[in-house]
């Protein structure tokens, strides 16, 4: 007699598999680092001055360069996706077979709630700034702090829904990072730098730890064959 297939459990395992080997952590961590470094470079006095001069004196060339850079960034992101697939096909998923990742499955309500909280934090800080209760630098730091807060909430939700415990630790670390970005006196540009470095360290540590476990399990399985 055939054993009935639990489709809900199968879907859950397929979604969970996308994150258990740690490669997705490494991918997201590097992406956040690149984007934050770009923000930092543009928002520094030197970077902002260079960008304004480039737009004023070489407008067409600057626009073409920015579009080209955006295209290059998209190609790099797409290329890393293909690289993850190749690595999984060649080693991590060679014996079990490659499975096309499913959508992460965030609920629309959660996404709207997170965006609302992020905007509420930013708008609240701007309002306090207009009332003279917060400095301009603190109000500006609320933007990268809110970005860290939103990323942390999504990570906590992912860890809870897919039952991945390390994401609960990652999410809590992201919350502390958001508080640190908001509280520690830095410039707006430096706050973006700390956002990128902080999340890169958190996700790279998480990814390398998970990847080490995955490789160890793979090696152990082959040894017992």
C-alpha atoms as a PDB file:
ATOM      1  CA  UNK A   1       0.000   0.000   0.000  1.00  0.00           C
ATOM      2  CA  UNK A   2       1.389   3.395  -1.006  1.00  0.00           C
ATOM      3  CA  UNK A   3       2.299   5.799   1.768  1.00  0.00           C
ATOM      4  CA  UNK A   4       0.358   9.097   1.434  1.00  0.00           C
ATOM      5  CA  UNK A   5       2.478  12.159   0.743  1.00  0.00           C
ATOM      6  CA  UNK A   6       2.115  15.120   3.077  1.00  0.00           C
ATOM      7  CA  UNK A   7       2.289  17.986   0.574  1.00  0.00           C
ATOM      8  CA  UNK A   8       2.480  20.665   3.273  1.00  0.00           C
ATOM      9  CA  UNK A   9       5.447  18.940   4.901  1.00  0.00           C
ATOM     10  CA  UNK A  10       7.122  18.434   1.511  1.00  0.00           C
ATOM     11  CA  UNK A  11       6.691  22.132   0.662  1.00  0.00           C
ATOM     12  CA  UNK A  12       8.084  23.116   4.070  1.00  0.00           C
ATOM     13  CA  UNK A  13      11.142  20.887   3.612  1.00  0.00           C
ATOM     14  CA  UNK A  14      11.758  22.230   0.107  1.00  0.00           C
ATOM     15  CA  UNK A  15      11.653  25.851   1.316  1.00  0.00           C
ATOM     16  CA  UNK A  16      13.829  24.991   4.302  1.00  0.00           C
ATOM     17  CA  UNK A  17      16.424  23.324   2.098  1.00  0.00           C
ATOM     18  CA  UNK A  18      17.182  26.630   0.398  1.00  0.00           C
ATOM     19  CA  UNK A  19      18.640  27.976   3.655  1.00  0.00           C
ATOM     20  CA  UNK A  20      20.063  24.997   5.536  1.00  0.00           C
ATOM     21  CA  UNK A  21      23.419  24.876   3.703  1.00  0.00           C
ATOM     22  CA  UNK A  22      24.283  28.521   4.495  1.00  0.00           C
ATOM     23  CA  UNK A  23      25.019  29.576   0.906  1.00  0.00           C
ATOM     24  CA  UNK A  24      22.014  31.885   0.824  1.00  0.00           C
ATOM     25  CA  UNK A  25      23.327  33.631   3.963  1.00  0.00           C
ATOM     26  CA  UNK A  26      26.666  34.258   2.253  1.00  0.00           C
ATOM     27  CA  UNK A  27      24.908  35.561  -0.848  1.00  0.00           C
ATOM     28  CA  UNK A  28      22.649  37.988   1.025  1.00  0.00           C
ATOM     29  CA  UNK A  29      25.448  39.122   3.348  1.00  0.00           C
ATOM     30  CA  UNK A  30      27.742  40.036   0.440  1.00  0.00           C
ATOM     31  CA  UNK A  31      24.868  41.801  -1.379  1.00  0.00           C
ATOM     32  CA  UNK A  32      24.020  43.923   1.670  1.00  0.00           C
ATOM     33  CA  UNK A  33      27.702  44.775   2.117  1.00  0.00           C
ATOM     34  CA  UNK A  34      28.061  45.944  -1.511  1.00  0.00           C
ATOM     35  CA  UNK A  35      24.920  48.096  -1.373  1.00  0.00           C
ATOM     36  CA  UNK A  36      25.926  49.632   1.963  1.00  0.00           C
ATOM     37  CA  UNK A  37      29.444  50.402   0.722  1.00  0.00           C
ATOM     38  CA  UNK A  38      27.943  52.179  -2.291  1.00  0.00           C
ATOM     39  CA  UNK A  39      25.715  54.276  -0.018  1.00  0.00           C
ATOM     40  CA  UNK A  40      28.688  55.065   2.193  1.00  0.00           C
ATOM     41  CA  UNK A  41      30.845  56.170  -0.769  1.00  0.00           C
ATOM     42  CA  UNK A  42      28.095  58.359  -2.231  1.00  0.00           C
ATOM     43  CA  UNK A  43      27.181  59.972   1.101  1.00  0.00           C
ATOM     44  CA  UNK A  44      30.709  60.879   2.194  1.00  0.00           C
ATOM     45  CA  UNK A  45      31.651  64.514   1.478  1.00  0.00           C
ATOM     46  CA  UNK A  46      34.188  63.429  -1.137  1.00  0.00           C
ATOM     47  CA  UNK A  47      31.804  60.997  -2.826  1.00  0.00           C
ATOM     48  CA  UNK A  48      28.891  63.447  -2.811  1.00  0.00           C
ATOM     49  CA  UNK A  49      31.089  66.223  -4.247  1.00  0.00           C
ATOM     50  CA  UNK A  50      32.400  63.939  -6.992  1.00  0.00           C
ATOM     51  CA  UNK A  51      28.876  62.793  -7.928  1.00  0.00           C
ATOM     52  CA  UNK A  52      27.510  66.363  -8.069  1.00  0.00           C
ATOM     53  CA  UNK A  53      30.430  67.530 -10.241  1.00  0.00           C
ATOM     54  CA  UNK A  54      30.016  64.509 -12.521  1.00  0.00           C
ATOM     55  CA  UNK A  55      26.313  65.261 -12.998  1.00  0.00           C
ATOM     56  CA  UNK A  56      26.926  68.981 -13.573  1.00  0.00           C
ATOM     57  CA  UNK A  57      29.835  68.698 -16.003  1.00  0.00           C
ATOM     58  CA  UNK A  58      29.356  65.239 -17.546  1.00  0.00           C
ATOM     59  CA  UNK A  59      25.625  64.588 -17.190  1.00  0.00           C
ATOM     60  CA  UNK A  60      25.120  62.224 -20.139  1.00  0.00           C
ATOM     61  CA  UNK A  61      28.290  60.251 -19.453  1.00  0.00           C
ATOM     62  CA  UNK A  62      27.402  59.967 -15.756  1.00  0.00           C
ATOM     63  CA  UNK A  63      23.884  58.693 -16.508  1.00  0.00           C
ATOM     64  CA  UNK A  64      25.276  56.103 -18.936  1.00  0.00           C
ATOM     65  CA  UNK A  65      27.841  55.054 -16.346  1.00  0.00           C
ATOM     66  CA  UNK A  66      25.217  54.695 -13.601  1.00  0.00           C
ATOM     67  CA  UNK A  67      22.953  52.647 -15.877  1.00  0.00           C
ATOM     68  CA  UNK A  68      25.905  50.474 -16.862  1.00  0.00           C
ATOM     69  CA  UNK A  69      26.867  49.988 -13.227  1.00  0.00           C
ATOM     70  CA  UNK A  70      23.282  49.019 -12.356  1.00  0.00           C
ATOM     71  CA  UNK A  71      23.282  46.496 -15.201  1.00  0.00           C
ATOM     72  CA  UNK A  72      26.611  45.099 -14.009  1.00  0.00           C
ATOM     73  CA  UNK A  73      25.277  44.759 -10.468  1.00  0.00           C
ATOM     74  CA  UNK A  74      22.207  42.872 -11.723  1.00  0.00           C
ATOM     75  CA  UNK A  75      24.457  40.571 -13.768  1.00  0.00           C
ATOM     76  CA  UNK A  76      26.617  39.906 -10.709  1.00  0.00           C
ATOM     77  CA  UNK A  77      23.566  39.035  -8.594  1.00  0.00           C
ATOM     78  CA  UNK A  78      22.262  36.754 -11.344  1.00  0.00           C
ATOM     79  CA  UNK A  79      25.708  35.219 -11.748  1.00  0.00           C
ATOM     80  CA  UNK A  80      25.976  34.410  -8.063  1.00  0.00           C
ATOM     81  CA  UNK A  81      22.567  32.722  -8.265  1.00  0.00           C
ATOM     82  CA  UNK A  82      23.897  30.474 -11.025  1.00  0.00           C
ATOM     83  CA  UNK A  83      27.062  29.891  -9.004  1.00  0.00           C
ATOM     84  CA  UNK A  84      25.003  28.736  -6.003  1.00  0.00           C
ATOM     85  CA  UNK A  85      23.106  26.353  -8.275  1.00  0.00           C
ATOM     86  CA  UNK A  86      26.346  24.927  -9.694  1.00  0.00           C
ATOM     87  CA  UNK A  87      27.884  24.424  -6.254  1.00  0.00           C
ATOM     88  CA  UNK A  88      24.759  22.650  -5.026  1.00  0.00           C
ATOM     89  CA  UNK A  89      24.515  20.452  -8.116  1.00  0.00           C
ATOM     90  CA  UNK A  90      28.199  19.541  -7.908  1.00  0.00           C
ATOM     91  CA  UNK A  91      28.485  18.789  -4.196  1.00  0.00           C
ATOM     92  CA  UNK A  92      25.834  19.588  -1.615  1.00  0.00           C
ATOM     93  CA  UNK A  93      22.825  18.347  -3.592  1.00  0.00           C
ATOM     94  CA  UNK A  94      24.576  15.912  -5.926  1.00  0.00           C
ATOM     95  CA  UNK A  95      23.231  12.783  -4.272  1.00  0.00           C
ATOM     96  CA  UNK A  96      19.796  14.034  -3.248  1.00  0.00           C
ATOM     97  CA  UNK A  97      19.206  15.848  -6.538  1.00  0.00           C
ATOM     98  CA  UNK A  98      18.804  19.548  -7.315  1.00  0.00           C
ATOM     99  CA  UNK A  99      15.483  21.085  -6.337  1.00  0.00           C
ATOM    100  CA  UNK A 100      14.390  24.428  -7.763  1.00  0.00           C
ATOM    101  CA  UNK A 101      13.934  26.768  -4.781  1.00  0.00           C
ATOM    102  CA  UNK A 102      10.373  27.741  -3.935  1.00  0.00           C
ATOM    103  CA  UNK A 103       9.250  31.258  -3.097  1.00  0.00           C
ATOM    104  CA  UNK A 104      10.212  32.189   0.446  1.00  0.00           C
ATOM    105  CA  UNK A 105       6.577  32.524   1.423  1.00  0.00           C
ATOM    106  CA  UNK A 106       6.465  35.764   3.397  1.00  0.00           C
ATOM    107  CA  UNK A 107       2.891  36.767   4.076  1.00  0.00           C
ATOM    108  CA  UNK A 108       1.764  40.077   2.594  1.00  0.00           C
ATOM    109  CA  UNK A 109       0.478  41.125   5.998  1.00  0.00           C
ATOM    110  CA  UNK A 110       3.943  40.667   7.511  1.00  0.00           C
ATOM    111  CA  UNK A 111       5.638  42.593   4.711  1.00  0.00           C
ATOM    112  CA  UNK A 112       3.177  45.481   5.009  1.00  0.00           C
ATOM    113  CA  UNK A 113       3.560  45.488   8.802  1.00  0.00           C
ATOM    114  CA  UNK A 114       7.368  45.595   8.601  1.00  0.00           C
ATOM    115  CA  UNK A 115       7.332  48.417   6.040  1.00  0.00           C
ATOM    116  CA  UNK A 116       4.826  50.307   8.198  1.00  0.00           C
ATOM    117  CA  UNK A 117       7.026  49.948  11.301  1.00  0.00           C
ATOM    118  CA  UNK A 118      10.119  51.063   9.375  1.00  0.00           C
ATOM    119  CA  UNK A 119       8.329  54.130   8.009  1.00  0.00           C
ATOM    120  CA  UNK A 120       6.847  54.876  11.440  1.00  0.00           C
ATOM    121  CA  UNK A 121      10.342  54.859  12.985  1.00  0.00           C
ATOM    122  CA  UNK A 122      11.742  57.160  10.301  1.00  0.00           C
ATOM    123  CA  UNK A 123       8.761  59.557  10.283  1.00  0.00           C
ATOM    124  CA  UNK A 124       8.698  59.622  14.082  1.00  0.00           C
ATOM    125  CA  UNK A 125      12.380  60.548  14.236  1.00  0.00           C
ATOM    126  CA  UNK A 126      11.919  63.283  11.611  1.00  0.00           C
ATOM    127  CA  UNK A 127       8.996  64.666  13.602  1.00  0.00           C
ATOM    128  CA  UNK A 128      11.049  64.707  16.806  1.00  0.00           C
ATOM    129  CA  UNK A 129      13.811  66.466  14.858  1.00  0.00           C
ATOM    130  CA  UNK A 130      11.405  69.204  13.744  1.00  0.00           C
ATOM    131  CA  UNK A 131      10.342  69.564  17.391  1.00  0.00           C
ATOM    132  CA  UNK A 132      13.966  70.032  18.388  1.00  0.00           C
ATOM    133  CA  UNK A 133      14.112  66.849  20.463  1.00  0.00           C
ATOM    134  CA  UNK A 134      16.460  64.966  18.125  1.00  0.00           C
ATOM    135  CA  UNK A 135      19.463  66.159  16.178  1.00  0.00           C
ATOM    136  CA  UNK A 136      19.558  65.893  12.408  1.00  0.00           C
ATOM    137  CA  UNK A 137      22.248  63.197  12.531  1.00  0.00           C
ATOM    138  CA  UNK A 138      20.143  60.990  14.830  1.00  0.00           C
ATOM    139  CA  UNK A 139      17.100  61.414  12.582  1.00  0.00           C
ATOM    140  CA  UNK A 140      19.153  60.470   9.525  1.00  0.00           C
ATOM    141  CA  UNK A 141      20.612  57.434  11.308  1.00  0.00           C
ATOM    142  CA  UNK A 142      17.054  56.185  11.796  1.00  0.00           C
ATOM    143  CA  UNK A 143      16.975  55.239   8.075  1.00  0.00           C
ATOM    144  CA  UNK A 144      19.781  52.605   8.161  1.00  0.00           C
ATOM    145  CA  UNK A 145      18.626  51.607  11.654  1.00  0.00           C
ATOM    146  CA  UNK A 146      15.129  50.963  10.284  1.00  0.00           C
ATOM    147  CA  UNK A 147      16.653  48.974   7.414  1.00  0.00           C
ATOM    148  CA  UNK A 148      18.444  46.763   9.922  1.00  0.00           C
ATOM    149  CA  UNK A 149      15.247  46.464  11.958  1.00  0.00           C
ATOM    150  CA  UNK A 150      13.250  45.340   8.919  1.00  0.00           C
ATOM    151  CA  UNK A 151      15.906  42.817   7.891  1.00  0.00           C
ATOM    152  CA  UNK A 152      15.989  41.441  11.436  1.00  0.00           C
ATOM    153  CA  UNK A 153      12.206  41.015  11.581  1.00  0.00           C
ATOM    154  CA  UNK A 154      12.159  39.205   8.235  1.00  0.00           C
ATOM    155  CA  UNK A 155      14.951  36.921   9.422  1.00  0.00           C
ATOM    156  CA  UNK A 156      13.132  36.143  12.668  1.00  0.00           C
ATOM    157  CA  UNK A 157       9.967  35.381  10.706  1.00  0.00           C
ATOM    158  CA  UNK A 158      11.905  33.114   8.349  1.00  0.00           C
ATOM    159  CA  UNK A 159      13.538  31.277  11.248  1.00  0.00           C
ATOM    160  CA  UNK A 160      10.181  30.794  12.958  1.00  0.00           C
ATOM    161  CA  UNK A 161       8.240  29.649   9.877  1.00  0.00           C
ATOM    162  CA  UNK A 162      10.948  27.284   8.596  1.00  0.00           C
ATOM    163  CA  UNK A 163      12.120  26.211  12.065  1.00  0.00           C
ATOM    164  CA  UNK A 164      15.730  27.284  11.461  1.00  0.00           C
ATOM    165  CA  UNK A 165      17.108  28.151  14.895  1.00  0.00           C
ATOM    166  CA  UNK A 166      20.193  29.995  13.752  1.00  0.00           C
ATOM    167  CA  UNK A 167      17.987  32.611  12.052  1.00  0.00           C
ATOM    168  CA  UNK A 168      16.460  33.439  15.416  1.00  0.00           C
ATOM    169  CA  UNK A 169      19.968  34.252  16.670  1.00  0.00           C
ATOM    170  CA  UNK A 170      20.706  36.178  13.467  1.00  0.00           C
ATOM    171  CA  UNK A 171      17.477  38.164  13.839  1.00  0.00           C
ATOM    172  CA  UNK A 172      18.220  39.106  17.448  1.00  0.00           C
ATOM    173  CA  UNK A 173      21.740  40.161  16.465  1.00  0.00           C
ATOM    174  CA  UNK A 174      20.209  42.323  13.728  1.00  0.00           C
ATOM    175  CA  UNK A 175      17.930  43.991  16.278  1.00  0.00           C
ATOM    176  CA  UNK A 176      20.909  44.861  18.481  1.00  0.00           C
ATOM    177  CA  UNK A 177      22.704  46.183  15.387  1.00  0.00           C
ATOM    178  CA  UNK A 178      19.716  48.433  14.620  1.00  0.00           C
ATOM    179  CA  UNK A 179      19.825  49.841  18.159  1.00  0.00           C
ATOM    180  CA  UNK A 180      23.591  50.375  17.946  1.00  0.00           C
ATOM    181  CA  UNK A 181      23.305  52.205  14.602  1.00  0.00           C
ATOM    182  CA  UNK A 182      20.652  54.505  16.042  1.00  0.00           C
ATOM    183  CA  UNK A 183      22.337  55.176  19.398  1.00  0.00           C
ATOM    184  CA  UNK A 184      26.067  55.353  18.612  1.00  0.00           C
ATOM    185  CA  UNK A 185      27.010  58.853  17.377  1.00  0.00           C
ATOM    186  CA  UNK A 186      28.192  58.532  13.770  1.00  0.00           C
ATOM    187  CA  UNK A 187      27.572  60.362  10.523  1.00  0.00           C
ATOM    188  CA  UNK A 188      24.829  59.298   8.109  1.00  0.00           C
ATOM    189  CA  UNK A 189      27.427  57.816   5.739  1.00  0.00           C
ATOM    190  CA  UNK A 190      29.172  55.894   8.528  1.00  0.00           C
ATOM    191  CA  UNK A 191      25.821  54.495   9.694  1.00  0.00           C
ATOM    192  CA  UNK A 192      25.346  52.865   6.281  1.00  0.00           C
ATOM    193  CA  UNK A 193      28.874  51.483   6.492  1.00  0.00           C
ATOM    194  CA  UNK A 194      28.164  49.932   9.902  1.00  0.00           C
ATOM    195  CA  UNK A 195      24.914  48.504   8.561  1.00  0.00           C
ATOM    196  CA  UNK A 196      26.733  46.714   5.753  1.00  0.00           C
ATOM    197  CA  UNK A 197      29.660  45.541   7.866  1.00  0.00           C
ATOM    198  CA  UNK A 198      27.388  44.417  10.698  1.00  0.00           C
ATOM    199  CA  UNK A 199      25.007  42.358   8.570  1.00  0.00           C
ATOM    200  CA  UNK A 200      27.890  40.991   6.489  1.00  0.00           C
ATOM    201  CA  UNK A 201      29.624  39.707   9.639  1.00  0.00           C
ATOM    202  CA  UNK A 202      26.373  38.272  11.050  1.00  0.00           C
ATOM    203  CA  UNK A 203      25.324  36.518   7.838  1.00  0.00           C
ATOM    204  CA  UNK A 204      28.812  35.354   6.867  1.00  0.00           C
ATOM    205  CA  UNK A 205      29.251  33.808  10.313  1.00  0.00           C
ATOM    206  CA  UNK A 206      25.815  32.161  10.055  1.00  0.00           C
ATOM    207  CA  UNK A 207      26.449  30.956   6.518  1.00  0.00           C
ATOM    208  CA  UNK A 208      29.916  29.553   7.173  1.00  0.00           C
ATOM    209  CA  UNK A 209      28.692  27.731  10.282  1.00  0.00           C
ATOM    210  CA  UNK A 210      25.752  26.191   8.398  1.00  0.00           C
ATOM    211  CA  UNK A 211      27.952  25.322   5.414  1.00  0.00           C
ATOM    212  CA  UNK A 212      30.469  23.602   7.684  1.00  0.00           C
ATOM    213  CA  UNK A 213      27.678  21.493   9.197  1.00  0.00           C
ATOM    214  CA  UNK A 214      26.274  20.667   5.747  1.00  0.00           C
ATOM    215  CA  UNK A 215      29.668  19.569   4.436  1.00  0.00           C
ATOM    216  CA  UNK A 216      30.278  17.545   7.593  1.00  0.00           C
ATOM    217  CA  UNK A 217      26.938  15.757   7.200  1.00  0.00           C
ATOM    218  CA  UNK A 218      27.659  15.130   3.525  1.00  0.00           C
ATOM    219  CA  UNK A 219      31.076  13.693   4.334  1.00  0.00           C
ATOM    220  CA  UNK A 220      29.616  11.564   7.127  1.00  0.00           C
ATOM    221  CA  UNK A 221      26.931  10.185   4.829  1.00  0.00           C
ATOM    222  CA  UNK A 222      29.491   9.169   2.239  1.00  0.00           C
ATOM    223  CA  UNK A 223      31.670   7.534   4.882  1.00  0.00           C
ATOM    224  CA  UNK A 224      28.830   5.272   6.020  1.00  0.00           C
ATOM    225  CA  UNK A 225      27.928   4.141   2.500  1.00  0.00           C
END
